[in-house]
Amino acid sequence: MTQGPILIDLEGVAPAPAPDAAPPVPDDDVTPPPSGRAMQTVALLAARNPSRLARLFWSLLLTLMGVMISVAAWDFVTGLIARSPLLGYAVTGLITAFALVLLVIALRELAAFSRLGKIDSLHRAASAALSQQDLGQARAVVTRLTQLYKGREDTRWGRDRLAEYGPEQFDAAGLLGLAETELLTPLDAVAMREIEAASRQVATVTAIVPLALADVVTALTANLRMIRRIAEVYGGRSGTLGSWRLARAVMTHLVATGAVAVGDDLIGSVAGGGVLSKLSRRFGEGVVNGALTARVGVAAMEVCRPLPFTRAKRPSVTGLVKRALAGLFSTG
């Protein structure tokens, strides 16, 4: 016995979802994009201002240690002279020589601070001359700039051209632009090579060395050395304390402006599309740390440069990183 057709009423029933409307399957193995942890750690450490209590603690500790060492040295020398005058006077001469060396080091540090202050003053004067379009002030800046580089052989040709064509400039922007082109453009090229070398070193160590904190230590030392060399390129040779102070100024500026944050623009411009997803996380961190090092280098150029960027273009972080990492990683 056969049954007749069955009629099912579908009114009021929602239609079944189409396959193309189904949500994607979650992937628990997706790793977050590289963040440049090493460089962000270095920037935060360098930019951190010690508290007043910490400064007081270290000042008192160093003063106390200095007094203890001085008293111990005095007692040692006087006792040695009493026992053996010849040997005691010899040790006294050694201590005196050591004190003179410390004095020379202190004087060199003071001279380094003076040079950095001179360049900073020159930079502010140039910015004021440009904003006010003051030709007299611009000529004074050019005179100071020429005086700053008068003993350097690598700037002789630029100084000669500036002396030849400078009197023909009758506005502040033209005169300072000529000085920038003739004197600072060759120095910019040297500074950019230093940035590329530091970026390459930081990226390579981050990608290859698996040791904990090795990338942080490498990033810190490479960036301090890079900032010091950039200062030397522009005539602001800095000592140990001067280098650290300069590094703090650069890092504070970067943290304040958010330039140490890794955004999609940085990853896209450096890595190009989805290349980072094809690399291991260590290699991705290396590329991003190298890019952040380049950002630090460009900021150091702006801080150490006697003149602001006007006629010459500010270096591109993307271009610096691509040249630095050429042959190390596939970044395009």
C-alpha atoms as a PDB file:
ATOM      1  CA  MET A   1       0.000   0.000   0.000  1.00  0.00           C
ATOM      2  CA  THR A   2       1.549   3.322  -1.069  1.00  0.00           C
ATOM      3  CA  GLN A   3       1.092   6.636   0.676  1.00  0.00           C
ATOM      4  CA  GLY A   4       0.316   9.879  -1.056  1.00  0.00           C
ATOM      5  CA  PRO A   5       2.583  12.923  -1.106  1.00  0.00           C
ATOM      6  CA  ILE A   6       3.244  14.696   2.197  1.00  0.00           C
ATOM      7  CA  LEU A   7       2.978  18.474   2.315  1.00  0.00           C
ATOM      8  CA  ILE A   8       5.156  20.298   4.894  1.00  0.00           C
ATOM      9  CA  ASP A   9       4.314  23.898   5.633  1.00  0.00           C
ATOM     10  CA  LEU A  10       7.601  25.994   5.923  1.00  0.00           C
ATOM     11  CA  GLU A  11       5.944  29.341   6.565  1.00  0.00           C
ATOM     12  CA  GLY A  12       7.525  31.123   9.546  1.00  0.00           C
ATOM     13  CA  VAL A  13      10.691  29.014   9.497  1.00  0.00           C
ATOM     14  CA  ALA A  14      13.959  30.957   9.007  1.00  0.00           C
ATOM     15  CA  PRO A  15      15.955  29.883   5.943  1.00  0.00           C
ATOM     16  CA  ALA A  16      19.098  27.858   6.553  1.00  0.00           C
ATOM     17  CA  PRO A  17      22.335  29.878   6.330  1.00  0.00           C
ATOM     18  CA  ALA A  18      24.350  29.557   3.169  1.00  0.00           C
ATOM     19  CA  PRO A  19      27.824  27.982   3.397  1.00  0.00           C
ATOM     20  CA  ASP A  20      29.536  31.221   2.411  1.00  0.00           C
ATOM     21  CA  ALA A  21      27.944  32.981   5.392  1.00  0.00           C
ATOM     22  CA  ALA A  22      29.421  30.607   7.957  1.00  0.00           C
ATOM     23  CA  PRO A  23      31.921  32.204  10.396  1.00  0.00           C
ATOM     24  CA  PRO A  24      35.583  31.306   9.920  1.00  0.00           C
ATOM     25  CA  VAL A  25      37.068  28.518  11.961  1.00  0.00           C
ATOM     26  CA  PRO A  26      39.081  30.022  14.844  1.00  0.00           C
ATOM     27  CA  ASP A  27      42.805  29.421  14.663  1.00  0.00           C
ATOM     28  CA  ASP A  28      44.309  29.018  18.111  1.00  0.00           C
ATOM     29  CA  ASP A  29      47.846  28.815  16.725  1.00  0.00           C
ATOM     30  CA  VAL A  30      47.933  32.370  15.360  1.00  0.00           C
ATOM     31  CA  THR A  31      50.764  34.288  17.020  1.00  0.00           C
ATOM     32  CA  PRO A  32      50.570  38.021  17.619  1.00  0.00           C
ATOM     33  CA  PRO A  33      52.558  40.226  15.261  1.00  0.00           C
ATOM     34  CA  PRO A  34      56.088  41.196  16.305  1.00  0.00           C
ATOM     35  CA  SER A  35      56.159  44.131  18.671  1.00  0.00           C
ATOM     36  CA  GLY A  36      59.838  45.085  18.920  1.00  0.00           C
ATOM     37  CA  ARG A  37      59.992  44.179  22.604  1.00  0.00           C
ATOM     38  CA  ALA A  38      63.738  44.766  22.891  1.00  0.00           C
ATOM     39  CA  MET A  39      63.676  48.301  21.498  1.00  0.00           C
ATOM     40  CA  GLN A  40      60.595  49.268  23.494  1.00  0.00           C
ATOM     41  CA  THR A  41      62.315  48.031  26.667  1.00  0.00           C
ATOM     42  CA  VAL A  42      65.454  50.013  25.826  1.00  0.00           C
ATOM     43  CA  ALA A  43      63.440  53.163  25.126  1.00  0.00           C
ATOM     44  CA  LEU A  44      61.542  52.923  28.400  1.00  0.00           C
ATOM     45  CA  LEU A  45      64.728  52.273  30.382  1.00  0.00           C
ATOM     46  CA  ALA A  46      66.605  55.171  28.791  1.00  0.00           C
ATOM     47  CA  ALA A  47      63.711  57.618  29.020  1.00  0.00           C
ATOM     48  CA  ARG A  48      62.813  56.847  32.623  1.00  0.00           C
ATOM     49  CA  ASN A  49      63.469  59.776  34.947  1.00  0.00           C
ATOM     50  CA  PRO A  50      64.810  58.722  38.353  1.00  0.00           C
ATOM     51  CA  SER A  51      62.807  59.884  41.328  1.00  0.00           C
ATOM     52  CA  ARG A  52      64.084  62.578  43.659  1.00  0.00           C
ATOM     53  CA  LEU A  53      64.577  59.986  46.392  1.00  0.00           C
ATOM     54  CA  ALA A  54      66.655  57.797  44.057  1.00  0.00           C
ATOM     55  CA  ARG A  55      68.833  60.754  43.036  1.00  0.00           C
ATOM     56  CA  LEU A  56      69.362  61.653  46.695  1.00  0.00           C
ATOM     57  CA  PHE A  57      70.231  58.029  47.514  1.00  0.00           C
ATOM     58  CA  TRP A  58      72.855  57.731  44.781  1.00  0.00           C
ATOM     59  CA  SER A  59      74.324  61.155  45.584  1.00  0.00           C
ATOM     60  CA  LEU A  60      74.748  60.290  49.251  1.00  0.00           C
ATOM     61  CA  LEU A  61      76.092  56.826  48.435  1.00  0.00           C
ATOM     62  CA  LEU A  62      78.701  58.147  46.005  1.00  0.00           C
ATOM     63  CA  THR A  63      79.721  60.902  48.426  1.00  0.00           C
ATOM     64  CA  LEU A  64      80.075  58.418  51.275  1.00  0.00           C
ATOM     65  CA  MET A  65      82.100  56.018  49.126  1.00  0.00           C
ATOM     66  CA  GLY A  66      84.371  58.861  48.007  1.00  0.00           C
ATOM     67  CA  VAL A  67      85.026  59.933  51.592  1.00  0.00           C
ATOM     68  CA  MET A  68      85.724  56.349  52.684  1.00  0.00           C
ATOM     69  CA  ILE A  69      88.123  55.733  49.791  1.00  0.00           C
ATOM     70  CA  SER A  70      89.929  59.032  50.413  1.00  0.00           C
ATOM     71  CA  VAL A  71      90.371  58.358  54.138  1.00  0.00           C
ATOM     72  CA  ALA A  72      91.494  54.772  53.501  1.00  0.00           C
ATOM     73  CA  ALA A  73      94.014  55.938  50.880  1.00  0.00           C
ATOM     74  CA  TRP A  74      95.344  58.636  53.226  1.00  0.00           C
ATOM     75  CA  ASP A  75      95.783  56.187  56.102  1.00  0.00           C
ATOM     76  CA  PHE A  76      97.421  53.670  53.792  1.00  0.00           C
ATOM     77  CA  VAL A  77      99.910  56.186  52.354  1.00  0.00           C
ATOM     78  CA  THR A  78     100.836  57.771  55.705  1.00  0.00           C
ATOM     79  CA  GLY A  79     101.328  54.349  57.278  1.00  0.00           C
ATOM     80  CA  LEU A  80     103.414  53.197  54.326  1.00  0.00           C
ATOM     81  CA  ILE A  81     105.590  56.334  54.501  1.00  0.00           C
ATOM     82  CA  ALA A  82     106.175  55.688  58.203  1.00  0.00           C
ATOM     83  CA  ARG A  83     107.290  52.113  57.511  1.00  0.00           C
ATOM     84  CA  SER A  84     109.106  52.641  54.196  1.00  0.00           C
ATOM     85  CA  PRO A  85     109.484  56.272  53.053  1.00  0.00           C
ATOM     86  CA  LEU A  86     110.732  55.425  49.566  1.00  0.00           C
ATOM     87  CA  LEU A  87     107.869  53.042  48.832  1.00  0.00           C
ATOM     88  CA  GLY A  88     105.373  55.404  50.436  1.00  0.00           C
ATOM     89  CA  TYR A  89     106.403  58.335  48.249  1.00  0.00           C
ATOM     90  CA  ALA A  90     106.246  56.102  45.171  1.00  0.00           C
ATOM     91  CA  VAL A  91     102.660  55.091  46.012  1.00  0.00           C
ATOM     92  CA  THR A  92     101.853  58.755  46.659  1.00  0.00           C
ATOM     93  CA  GLY A  93     103.059  59.569  43.151  1.00  0.00           C
ATOM     94  CA  LEU A  94     100.848  56.824  41.704  1.00  0.00           C
ATOM     95  CA  ILE A  95      97.810  58.114  43.571  1.00  0.00           C
ATOM     96  CA  THR A  96      98.564  61.653  42.403  1.00  0.00           C
ATOM     97  CA  ALA A  97      98.842  60.466  38.800  1.00  0.00           C
ATOM     98  CA  PHE A  98      95.530  58.619  39.163  1.00  0.00           C
ATOM     99  CA  ALA A  99      93.880  61.757  40.537  1.00  0.00           C
ATOM    100  CA  LEU A 100      95.219  63.777  37.589  1.00  0.00           C
ATOM    101  CA  VAL A 101      93.796  61.223  35.142  1.00  0.00           C
ATOM    102  CA  LEU A 102      90.409  61.491  36.861  1.00  0.00           C
ATOM    103  CA  LEU A 103      90.640  65.282  36.580  1.00  0.00           C
ATOM    104  CA  VAL A 104      91.399  65.058  32.847  1.00  0.00           C
ATOM    105  CA  ILE A 105      88.437  62.717  32.352  1.00  0.00           C
ATOM    106  CA  ALA A 106      86.177  65.128  34.229  1.00  0.00           C
ATOM    107  CA  LEU A 107      87.401  68.052  32.107  1.00  0.00           C
ATOM    108  CA  ARG A 108      86.767  66.060  28.927  1.00  0.00           C
ATOM    109  CA  GLU A 109      83.229  65.311  30.080  1.00  0.00           C
ATOM    110  CA  LEU A 110      82.666  69.010  30.763  1.00  0.00           C
ATOM    111  CA  ALA A 111      84.048  69.867  27.319  1.00  0.00           C
ATOM    112  CA  ALA A 112      81.703  67.292  25.779  1.00  0.00           C
ATOM    113  CA  PHE A 113      78.716  68.866  27.530  1.00  0.00           C
ATOM    114  CA  SER A 114      79.896  72.254  26.264  1.00  0.00           C
ATOM    115  CA  ARG A 115      80.057  71.014  22.653  1.00  0.00           C
ATOM    116  CA  LEU A 116      76.583  69.492  22.875  1.00  0.00           C
ATOM    117  CA  GLY A 117      75.267  72.726  24.351  1.00  0.00           C
ATOM    118  CA  LYS A 118      76.900  74.727  21.551  1.00  0.00           C
ATOM    119  CA  ILE A 119      75.215  72.618  18.859  1.00  0.00           C
ATOM    120  CA  ASP A 120      71.870  72.840  20.641  1.00  0.00           C
ATOM    121  CA  SER A 121      72.218  76.629  20.846  1.00  0.00           C
ATOM    122  CA  LEU A 122      73.105  76.772  17.151  1.00  0.00           C
ATOM    123  CA  HIS A 123      70.043  74.686  16.278  1.00  0.00           C
ATOM    124  CA  ARG A 124      67.739  76.988  18.248  1.00  0.00           C
ATOM    125  CA  ALA A 125      69.275  80.096  16.680  1.00  0.00           C
ATOM    126  CA  ALA A 126      68.792  78.671  13.176  1.00  0.00           C
ATOM    127  CA  SER A 127      65.159  77.814  13.911  1.00  0.00           C
ATOM    128  CA  ALA A 128      64.574  81.345  15.217  1.00  0.00           C
ATOM    129  CA  ALA A 129      66.210  82.896  12.142  1.00  0.00           C
ATOM    130  CA  LEU A 130      64.012  80.816   9.847  1.00  0.00           C
ATOM    131  CA  SER A 131      60.804  81.582  11.712  1.00  0.00           C
ATOM    132  CA  GLN A 132      61.555  85.330  11.809  1.00  0.00           C
ATOM    133  CA  GLN A 133      63.205  85.475   8.361  1.00  0.00           C
ATOM    134  CA  ASP A 134      66.074  87.408   9.943  1.00  0.00           C
ATOM    135  CA  LEU A 135      68.975  87.566   7.474  1.00  0.00           C
ATOM    136  CA  GLY A 136      71.385  89.068  10.010  1.00  0.00           C
ATOM    137  CA  GLN A 137      70.719  86.301  12.491  1.00  0.00           C
ATOM    138  CA  ALA A 138      71.064  83.721   9.721  1.00  0.00           C
ATOM    139  CA  ARG A 139      74.486  85.117   8.764  1.00  0.00           C
ATOM    140  CA  ALA A 140      75.547  84.896  12.413  1.00  0.00           C
ATOM    141  CA  VAL A 141      74.422  81.258  12.472  1.00  0.00           C
ATOM    142  CA  VAL A 142      76.397  80.493   9.314  1.00  0.00           C
ATOM    143  CA  THR A 143      79.483  82.148  10.810  1.00  0.00           C
ATOM    144  CA  ARG A 144      79.193  80.008  13.936  1.00  0.00           C
ATOM    145  CA  LEU A 145      78.590  76.908  11.815  1.00  0.00           C
ATOM    146  CA  THR A 146      81.692  77.579   9.723  1.00  0.00           C
ATOM    147  CA  GLN A 147      83.682  78.133  12.908  1.00  0.00           C
ATOM    148  CA  LEU A 148      82.428  74.809  14.248  1.00  0.00           C
ATOM    149  CA  TYR A 149      83.726  72.891  11.226  1.00  0.00           C
ATOM    150  CA  LYS A 150      86.817  74.951  10.422  1.00  0.00           C
ATOM    151  CA  GLY A 151      89.268  72.256  11.541  1.00  0.00           C
ATOM    152  CA  ARG A 152      87.669  69.383   9.632  1.00  0.00           C
ATOM    153  CA  GLU A 153      89.137  68.370   6.299  1.00  0.00           C
ATOM    154  CA  ASP A 154      85.932  66.660   5.138  1.00  0.00           C
ATOM    155  CA  THR A 155      84.080  70.003   5.208  1.00  0.00           C
ATOM    156  CA  ARG A 156      86.715  72.144   3.450  1.00  0.00           C
ATOM    157  CA  TRP A 157      85.064  71.983   0.023  1.00  0.00           C
ATOM    158  CA  GLY A 158      81.666  72.838   1.484  1.00  0.00           C
ATOM    159  CA  ARG A 159      83.106  75.737   3.490  1.00  0.00           C
ATOM    160  CA  ASP A 160      84.797  77.121   0.382  1.00  0.00           C
ATOM    161  CA  ARG A 161      81.564  76.966  -1.630  1.00  0.00           C
ATOM    162  CA  LEU A 162      79.623  78.517   1.235  1.00  0.00           C
ATOM    163  CA  ALA A 163      82.131  81.375   1.438  1.00  0.00           C
ATOM    164  CA  GLU A 164      81.855  81.852  -2.343  1.00  0.00           C
ATOM    165  CA  TYR A 165      78.080  81.767  -2.767  1.00  0.00           C
ATOM    166  CA  GLY A 166      76.938  82.864   0.701  1.00  0.00           C
ATOM    167  CA  PRO A 167      77.162  86.630   0.019  1.00  0.00           C
ATOM    168  CA  GLU A 168      74.810  86.154  -2.951  1.00  0.00           C
ATOM    169  CA  GLN A 169      71.968  85.020  -0.666  1.00  0.00           C
ATOM    170  CA  PHE A 170      69.629  87.777   0.489  1.00  0.00           C
ATOM    171  CA  ASP A 171      67.123  85.853   2.594  1.00  0.00           C
ATOM    172  CA  ALA A 172      67.504  83.696   5.688  1.00  0.00           C
ATOM    173  CA  ALA A 173      65.967  80.565   4.170  1.00  0.00           C
ATOM    174  CA  GLY A 174      68.235  80.685   1.125  1.00  0.00           C
ATOM    175  CA  LEU A 175      71.395  81.256   3.156  1.00  0.00           C
ATOM    176  CA  LEU A 176      70.667  78.512   5.695  1.00  0.00           C
ATOM    177  CA  GLY A 177      69.563  76.195   2.895  1.00  0.00           C
ATOM    178  CA  LEU A 178      72.896  76.758   1.143  1.00  0.00           C
ATOM    179  CA  ALA A 179      74.773  76.058   4.386  1.00  0.00           C
ATOM    180  CA  GLU A 180      72.744  72.904   4.896  1.00  0.00           C
ATOM    181  CA  THR A 181      73.410  71.668   1.368  1.00  0.00           C
ATOM    182  CA  GLU A 182      77.137  72.398   1.325  1.00  0.00           C
ATOM    183  CA  LEU A 183      78.102  71.491   4.893  1.00  0.00           C
ATOM    184  CA  LEU A 184      75.554  69.085   6.328  1.00  0.00           C
ATOM    185  CA  THR A 185      74.422  66.943   3.389  1.00  0.00           C
ATOM    186  CA  PRO A 186      77.728  64.979   3.266  1.00  0.00           C
ATOM    187  CA  LEU A 187      77.565  64.549   7.037  1.00  0.00           C
ATOM    188  CA  ASP A 188      73.974  63.316   6.739  1.00  0.00           C
ATOM    189  CA  ALA A 189      75.171  60.520   4.457  1.00  0.00           C
ATOM    190  CA  VAL A 190      77.749  59.424   7.043  1.00  0.00           C
ATOM    191  CA  ALA A 191      75.149  59.520   9.827  1.00  0.00           C
ATOM    192  CA  MET A 192      72.732  57.417   7.770  1.00  0.00           C
ATOM    193  CA  ARG A 193      75.419  54.772   7.269  1.00  0.00           C
ATOM    194  CA  GLU A 194      75.828  54.612  11.045  1.00  0.00           C
ATOM    195  CA  ILE A 195      72.065  54.137  11.412  1.00  0.00           C
ATOM    196  CA  GLU A 196      72.031  51.356   8.832  1.00  0.00           C
ATOM    197  CA  ALA A 197      74.900  49.547  10.568  1.00  0.00           C
ATOM    198  CA  ALA A 198      73.182  49.730  13.968  1.00  0.00           C
ATOM    199  CA  SER A 199      69.845  48.574  12.531  1.00  0.00           C
ATOM    200  CA  ARG A 200      71.535  45.640  10.823  1.00  0.00           C
ATOM    201  CA  GLN A 201      73.299  44.599  14.022  1.00  0.00           C
ATOM    202  CA  VAL A 202      70.170  44.785  16.187  1.00  0.00           C
ATOM    203  CA  ALA A 203      68.056  42.905  13.637  1.00  0.00           C
ATOM    204  CA  THR A 204      70.648  40.159  13.170  1.00  0.00           C
ATOM    205  CA  VAL A 205      71.200  39.514  16.883  1.00  0.00           C
ATOM    206  CA  THR A 206      67.464  39.525  17.604  1.00  0.00           C
ATOM    207  CA  ALA A 207      66.792  37.019  14.828  1.00  0.00           C
ATOM    208  CA  ILE A 208      69.708  34.658  15.427  1.00  0.00           C
ATOM    209  CA  VAL A 209      70.679  34.716  19.112  1.00  0.00           C
ATOM    210  CA  PRO A 210      68.083  32.844  21.237  1.00  0.00           C
ATOM    211  CA  LEU A 211      69.505  33.884  24.626  1.00  0.00           C
ATOM    212  CA  ALA A 212      67.172  35.704  26.985  1.00  0.00           C
ATOM    213  CA  LEU A 213      67.799  39.469  27.235  1.00  0.00           C
ATOM    214  CA  ALA A 214      70.531  39.242  24.573  1.00  0.00           C
ATOM    215  CA  ASP A 215      68.401  41.319  22.207  1.00  0.00           C
ATOM    216  CA  VAL A 216      67.803  43.958  24.899  1.00  0.00           C
ATOM    217  CA  VAL A 217      71.509  44.247  25.755  1.00  0.00           C
ATOM    218  CA  THR A 218      72.457  44.385  22.067  1.00  0.00           C
ATOM    219  CA  ALA A 219      69.809  47.003  21.308  1.00  0.00           C
ATOM    220  CA  LEU A 220      70.944  49.160  24.242  1.00  0.00           C
ATOM    221  CA  THR A 221      74.655  49.048  23.391  1.00  0.00           C
ATOM    222  CA  ALA A 222      74.091  49.443  19.644  1.00  0.00           C
ATOM    223  CA  ASN A 223      71.801  52.441  20.098  1.00  0.00           C
ATOM    224  CA  LEU A 224      74.121  54.165  22.582  1.00  0.00           C
ATOM    225  CA  ARG A 225      77.060  53.650  20.230  1.00  0.00           C
ATOM    226  CA  MET A 226      75.012  54.855  17.249  1.00  0.00           C
ATOM    227  CA  ILE A 227      73.870  58.019  19.042  1.00  0.00           C
ATOM    228  CA  ARG A 228      77.429  58.775  20.141  1.00  0.00           C
ATOM    229  CA  ARG A 229      78.797  58.350  16.611  1.00  0.00           C
ATOM    230  CA  ILE A 230      76.054  60.494  15.114  1.00  0.00           C
ATOM    231  CA  ALA A 231      76.949  63.229  17.604  1.00  0.00           C
ATOM    232  CA  GLU A 232      80.603  62.905  16.576  1.00  0.00           C
ATOM    233  CA  VAL A 233      79.666  63.177  12.895  1.00  0.00           C
ATOM    234  CA  TYR A 234      78.033  66.568  13.490  1.00  0.00           C
ATOM    235  CA  GLY A 235      80.841  67.836  15.705  1.00  0.00           C
ATOM    236  CA  GLY A 236      79.305  67.154  19.103  1.00  0.00           C
ATOM    237  CA  ARG A 237      81.775  64.580  20.402  1.00  0.00           C
ATOM    238  CA  SER A 238      80.346  63.367  23.684  1.00  0.00           C
ATOM    239  CA  GLY A 239      81.865  61.530  26.594  1.00  0.00           C
ATOM    240  CA  THR A 240      80.304  58.724  28.576  1.00  0.00           C
ATOM    241  CA  LEU A 241      77.971  60.923  30.615  1.00  0.00           C
ATOM    242  CA  GLY A 242      77.239  63.100  27.599  1.00  0.00           C
ATOM    243  CA  SER A 243      76.303  60.067  25.507  1.00  0.00           C
ATOM    244  CA  TRP A 244      73.910  58.825  28.161  1.00  0.00           C
ATOM    245  CA  ARG A 245      72.337  62.263  28.541  1.00  0.00           C
ATOM    246  CA  LEU A 246      71.964  62.552  24.781  1.00  0.00           C
ATOM    247  CA  ALA A 247      70.442  59.068  24.590  1.00  0.00           C
ATOM    248  CA  ARG A 248      67.949  59.980  27.298  1.00  0.00           C
ATOM    249  CA  ALA A 249      66.944  63.112  25.396  1.00  0.00           C
ATOM    250  CA  VAL A 250      66.411  61.114  22.190  1.00  0.00           C
ATOM    251  CA  MET A 251      64.494  58.304  23.878  1.00  0.00           C
ATOM    252  CA  THR A 252      62.338  60.710  25.870  1.00  0.00           C
ATOM    253  CA  HIS A 253      61.356  62.443  22.643  1.00  0.00           C
ATOM    254  CA  LEU A 254      60.500  59.110  21.007  1.00  0.00           C
ATOM    255  CA  VAL A 255      58.420  57.894  23.947  1.00  0.00           C
ATOM    256  CA  ALA A 256      56.592  61.223  24.199  1.00  0.00           C
ATOM    257  CA  THR A 257      55.673  61.160  20.511  1.00  0.00           C
ATOM    258  CA  GLY A 258      54.774  57.464  20.508  1.00  0.00           C
ATOM    259  CA  ALA A 259      57.424  56.676  17.907  1.00  0.00           C
ATOM    260  CA  VAL A 260      58.486  53.477  19.678  1.00  0.00           C
ATOM    261  CA  ALA A 261      55.043  51.966  19.202  1.00  0.00           C
ATOM    262  CA  VAL A 262      54.749  49.394  16.432  1.00  0.00           C
ATOM    263  CA  GLY A 263      51.803  50.202  14.224  1.00  0.00           C
ATOM    264  CA  ASP A 264      50.463  48.711  11.030  1.00  0.00           C
ATOM    265  CA  ASP A 265      52.201  51.450   9.044  1.00  0.00           C
ATOM    266  CA  LEU A 266      55.613  50.406  10.343  1.00  0.00           C
ATOM    267  CA  ILE A 267      55.042  46.688   9.771  1.00  0.00           C
ATOM    268  CA  GLY A 268      53.561  47.252   6.331  1.00  0.00           C
ATOM    269  CA  SER A 269      56.237  49.674   5.179  1.00  0.00           C
ATOM    270  CA  VAL A 270      59.117  47.528   6.418  1.00  0.00           C
ATOM    271  CA  ALA A 271      57.855  44.014   5.890  1.00  0.00           C
ATOM    272  CA  GLY A 272      55.676  44.520   2.862  1.00  0.00           C
ATOM    273  CA  GLY A 273      52.311  42.789   2.915  1.00  0.00           C
ATOM    274  CA  GLY A 274      52.326  39.351   4.519  1.00  0.00           C
ATOM    275  CA  VAL A 275      56.035  38.626   4.486  1.00  0.00           C
ATOM    276  CA  LEU A 276      56.255  38.683   8.270  1.00  0.00           C
ATOM    277  CA  SER A 277      53.666  35.927   8.464  1.00  0.00           C
ATOM    278  CA  LYS A 278      55.964  33.740   6.364  1.00  0.00           C
ATOM    279  CA  LEU A 279      58.936  34.277   8.677  1.00  0.00           C
ATOM    280  CA  SER A 280      59.472  32.959  12.172  1.00  0.00           C
ATOM    281  CA  ARG A 281      58.597  35.205  15.066  1.00  0.00           C
ATOM    282  CA  ARG A 282      62.284  35.782  15.865  1.00  0.00           C
ATOM    283  CA  PHE A 283      62.939  37.042  12.350  1.00  0.00           C
ATOM    284  CA  GLY A 284      59.881  39.277  12.554  1.00  0.00           C
ATOM    285  CA  GLU A 285      61.100  40.714  15.855  1.00  0.00           C
ATOM    286  CA  GLY A 286      64.486  41.306  14.254  1.00  0.00           C
ATOM    287  CA  VAL A 287      62.975  43.308  11.409  1.00  0.00           C
ATOM    288  CA  VAL A 288      60.839  45.417  13.748  1.00  0.00           C
ATOM    289  CA  ASN A 289      63.699  46.037  16.207  1.00  0.00           C
ATOM    290  CA  GLY A 290      65.861  47.119  13.276  1.00  0.00           C
ATOM    291  CA  ALA A 291      63.142  49.515  12.145  1.00  0.00           C
ATOM    292  CA  LEU A 292      62.787  50.993  15.626  1.00  0.00           C
ATOM    293  CA  THR A 293      66.566  51.418  15.790  1.00  0.00           C
ATOM    294  CA  ALA A 294      66.347  53.389  12.553  1.00  0.00           C
ATOM    295  CA  ARG A 295      63.696  55.594  14.143  1.00  0.00           C
ATOM    296  CA  VAL A 296      66.041  56.259  17.062  1.00  0.00           C
ATOM    297  CA  GLY A 297      68.816  57.117  14.606  1.00  0.00           C
ATOM    298  CA  VAL A 298      66.681  59.612  12.702  1.00  0.00           C
ATOM    299  CA  ALA A 299      65.644  61.238  15.981  1.00  0.00           C
ATOM    300  CA  ALA A 300      69.317  61.412  16.993  1.00  0.00           C
ATOM    301  CA  MET A 301      70.108  63.158  13.701  1.00  0.00           C
ATOM    302  CA  GLU A 302      67.447  65.762  14.433  1.00  0.00           C
ATOM    303  CA  VAL A 303      68.820  66.316  17.946  1.00  0.00           C
ATOM    304  CA  CYS A 304      72.527  66.396  17.003  1.00  0.00           C
ATOM    305  CA  ARG A 305      72.211  68.349  13.742  1.00  0.00           C
ATOM    306  CA  PRO A 306      73.269  72.016  14.016  1.00  0.00           C
ATOM    307  CA  LEU A 307      70.556  73.046  11.536  1.00  0.00           C
ATOM    308  CA  PRO A 308      66.985  71.773  11.214  1.00  0.00           C
ATOM    309  CA  PHE A 309      65.941  69.890   8.089  1.00  0.00           C
ATOM    310  CA  THR A 310      64.765  72.489   5.568  1.00  0.00           C
ATOM    311  CA  ARG A 311      66.149  72.070   2.065  1.00  0.00           C
ATOM    312  CA  ALA A 312      67.378  68.528   2.713  1.00  0.00           C
ATOM    313  CA  LYS A 313      64.727  65.895   3.302  1.00  0.00           C
ATOM    314  CA  ARG A 314      64.420  64.081   6.586  1.00  0.00           C
ATOM    315  CA  PRO A 315      65.674  60.501   6.101  1.00  0.00           C
ATOM    316  CA  SER A 316      62.997  57.884   5.548  1.00  0.00           C
ATOM    317  CA  VAL A 317      62.904  55.071   8.105  1.00  0.00           C
ATOM    318  CA  THR A 318      61.606  52.683   5.451  1.00  0.00           C
ATOM    319  CA  GLY A 319      64.472  53.456   3.089  1.00  0.00           C
ATOM    320  CA  LEU A 320      67.063  53.147   5.841  1.00  0.00           C
ATOM    321  CA  VAL A 321      65.745  49.761   6.966  1.00  0.00           C
ATOM    322  CA  LYS A 322      65.489  48.374   3.448  1.00  0.00           C
ATOM    323  CA  ARG A 323      69.098  49.302   2.748  1.00  0.00           C
ATOM    324  CA  ALA A 324      70.259  48.039   6.151  1.00  0.00           C
ATOM    325  CA  LEU A 325      68.535  44.665   5.886  1.00  0.00           C
ATOM    326  CA  ALA A 326      69.247  44.042   2.209  1.00  0.00           C
ATOM    327  CA  GLY A 327      70.494  40.474   1.949  1.00  0.00           C
ATOM    328  CA  LEU A 328      69.592  39.591   5.551  1.00  0.00           C
ATOM    329  CA  PHE A 329      65.816  39.248   5.318  1.00  0.00           C
ATOM    330  CA  SER A 330      63.385  39.337   2.421  1.00  0.00           C
ATOM    331  CA  THR A 331      61.595  42.581   3.138  1.00  0.00           C
ATOM    332  CA  GLY A 332      59.880  43.158  -0.161  1.00  0.00           C
END
